[in-house]
Amino acid sequence: MKPRRSVVLVLAFLAPAAWAEHFTFTVPYMIRGLPDDIKKMRIGCQVFDQGMKEVGAGEQDVAIPVGGDTSSRFVVIKFDAHPGRRPETAVSWRCQMYEPFGKFFVQKEGTRIKVEGPIKR
């Protein structure tokens, strides 16, 4: 009986590492000066391989406080590589903020706030 309990405890401690995400971005942001009707924005991050094919992506909605932000906040976006894609092939990233429902801003290239750069290992 004791060996079985030991195995179960070891598996319980190893299990969280097996489910860890491939990519984690901590994105600072500050939202102000938008119409009061906009209650949330979406922050999305993507990673790309050398040929600019998307390796993985994730996004998170963030609520906008009444009157906008008074200081910087952070959102953590975690995600895995897409099925069949290897995370180690990612060489660049892009994070962007946009109004997710298209009620106030037309969603087209150039209307999103973007930040991008190389992946440092």
Protein backbone atom coordinates (compact mmCIF):
# COMPACT_ATOMS: atom_id res chain seq x y z
CA MET A 1 0.00 0.00 0.00
CA LYS A 2 2.77 2.50 0.82
CA PRO A 3 4.48 2.29 -2.60
CA ARG A 4 1.21 3.09 -4.33
CA ARG A 5 0.69 6.20 -2.17
CA SER A 6 4.23 7.35 -2.96
CA VAL A 7 3.61 7.02 -6.68
CA VAL A 8 0.35 8.98 -6.43
CA LEU A 9 2.05 11.80 -4.50
CA VAL A 10 4.88 12.01 -7.04
CA LEU A 11 2.40 12.17 -9.92
CA ALA A 12 0.41 14.87 -8.14
CA PHE A 13 3.54 17.02 -7.83
CA LEU A 14 4.60 16.43 -11.45
CA ALA A 15 1.18 16.99 -13.02
CA PRO A 16 1.12 20.82 -12.96
CA ALA A 17 4.39 21.04 -14.90
CA ALA A 18 2.96 18.81 -17.60
CA TRP A 19 0.16 21.34 -18.17
CA ALA A 20 2.30 24.49 -18.23
CA GLU A 21 1.73 26.82 -21.15
CA HIS A 22 4.41 27.28 -23.81
CA PHE A 23 4.17 31.09 -23.80
CA THR A 24 3.44 33.65 -21.07
CA PHE A 25 3.19 37.39 -21.71
CA THR A 26 2.78 39.99 -18.97
CA VAL A 27 1.37 42.99 -20.82
CA PRO A 28 1.28 46.44 -19.19
CA TYR A 29 -1.53 48.73 -20.33
CA MET A 30 -3.38 51.93 -19.50
CA ILE A 31 -6.72 52.79 -21.07
CA ARG A 32 -8.18 56.29 -20.97
CA GLY A 33 -9.88 58.78 -23.22
CA LEU A 34 -12.28 56.28 -24.81
CA PRO A 35 -16.05 56.80 -25.06
CA ASP A 36 -17.86 55.74 -21.86
CA ASP A 37 -19.87 53.19 -23.87
CA ILE A 38 -16.76 51.05 -24.33
CA LYS A 39 -16.65 48.81 -21.28
CA LYS A 40 -13.83 46.46 -22.29
CA MET A 41 -10.92 46.06 -24.64
CA ARG A 42 -9.16 42.90 -25.78
CA ILE A 43 -5.41 42.31 -25.58
CA GLY A 44 -4.11 39.53 -27.81
CA CYS A 45 -0.61 38.14 -28.28
CA GLN A 46 0.74 35.96 -31.09
CA VAL A 47 4.07 34.25 -31.74
CA PHE A 48 5.48 33.56 -35.20
CA ASP A 49 8.11 31.35 -36.81
CA GLN A 50 10.82 32.54 -39.21
CA GLY A 51 8.34 32.57 -42.13
CA MET A 52 5.80 34.65 -40.12
CA LYS A 53 3.43 31.68 -39.74
CA GLU A 54 1.56 31.84 -36.45
CA VAL A 55 2.88 29.31 -33.92
CA GLY A 56 0.41 30.18 -31.16
CA ALA A 57 -1.93 32.90 -29.89
CA GLY A 58 -3.91 33.93 -26.84
CA GLU A 59 -6.09 36.82 -25.76
CA GLN A 60 -7.71 38.31 -22.69
CA ASP A 61 -10.51 40.85 -22.27
CA VAL A 62 -9.83 43.69 -19.83
CA ALA A 63 -12.52 45.82 -18.20
CA ILE A 64 -12.25 49.59 -18.43
CA PRO A 65 -12.99 51.40 -15.16
CA VAL A 66 -15.36 54.38 -15.28
CA GLY A 67 -13.29 57.38 -16.31
CA GLY A 68 -10.44 55.19 -17.57
CA ASP A 69 -7.27 53.99 -15.89
CA THR A 70 -5.34 56.29 -13.59
CA SER A 71 -2.20 54.15 -13.61
CA SER A 72 -0.71 51.21 -15.52
CA ARG A 73 -2.19 47.75 -15.04
CA PHE A 74 -1.00 44.34 -16.19
CA VAL A 75 -2.67 41.36 -17.79
CA VAL A 76 -1.07 37.91 -18.04
CA ILE A 77 -1.77 36.02 -21.26
CA LYS A 78 -0.77 32.34 -21.35
CA PHE A 79 -1.16 29.98 -24.27
CA ASP A 80 0.25 26.90 -25.98
CA ALA A 81 1.55 26.42 -29.49
CA HIS A 82 -1.17 25.42 -31.95
CA PRO A 83 -1.59 21.66 -32.49
CA GLY A 84 1.14 20.37 -34.79
CA ARG A 85 3.32 23.49 -34.26
CA ARG A 86 6.54 23.34 -32.21
CA PRO A 87 6.96 26.17 -29.67
CA GLU A 88 10.74 26.28 -30.16
CA THR A 89 10.24 27.49 -33.74
CA ALA A 90 8.82 30.82 -32.52
CA VAL A 91 11.21 33.71 -33.21
CA SER A 92 8.99 36.81 -32.94
CA TRP A 93 5.91 38.05 -31.16
CA ARG A 94 3.17 40.67 -31.45
CA CYS A 95 0.72 41.95 -28.85
CA GLN A 96 -2.15 44.26 -29.72
CA MET A 97 -5.10 45.95 -28.06
CA TYR A 98 -8.43 46.45 -29.78
CA GLU A 99 -12.13 46.96 -29.18
CA PRO A 100 -13.42 43.39 -29.62
CA PHE A 101 -16.97 44.01 -30.78
CA GLY A 102 -16.37 46.55 -33.54
CA LYS A 103 -19.08 48.85 -32.15
CA PHE A 104 -16.93 51.97 -32.16
CA PHE A 105 -13.87 51.25 -34.27
CA VAL A 106 -13.80 49.53 -37.64
CA GLN A 107 -11.54 46.50 -37.27
CA LYS A 108 -9.04 46.83 -40.07
CA GLU A 109 -5.29 46.90 -40.40
CA GLY A 110 -3.89 50.01 -38.77
CA THR A 111 -6.65 50.52 -36.20
CA ARG A 112 -5.09 48.32 -33.52
CA ILE A 113 -2.40 49.33 -31.08
CA LYS A 114 0.52 46.95 -31.72
CA VAL A 115 3.82 46.17 -30.05
CA GLU A 116 6.15 43.53 -31.49
CA GLY A 117 9.69 42.19 -31.29
CA PRO A 118 12.03 39.19 -31.33
CA ILE A 119 11.82 36.34 -28.85
CA LYS A 120 14.89 36.35 -26.63
CA ARG A 121 16.02 32.99 -25.29
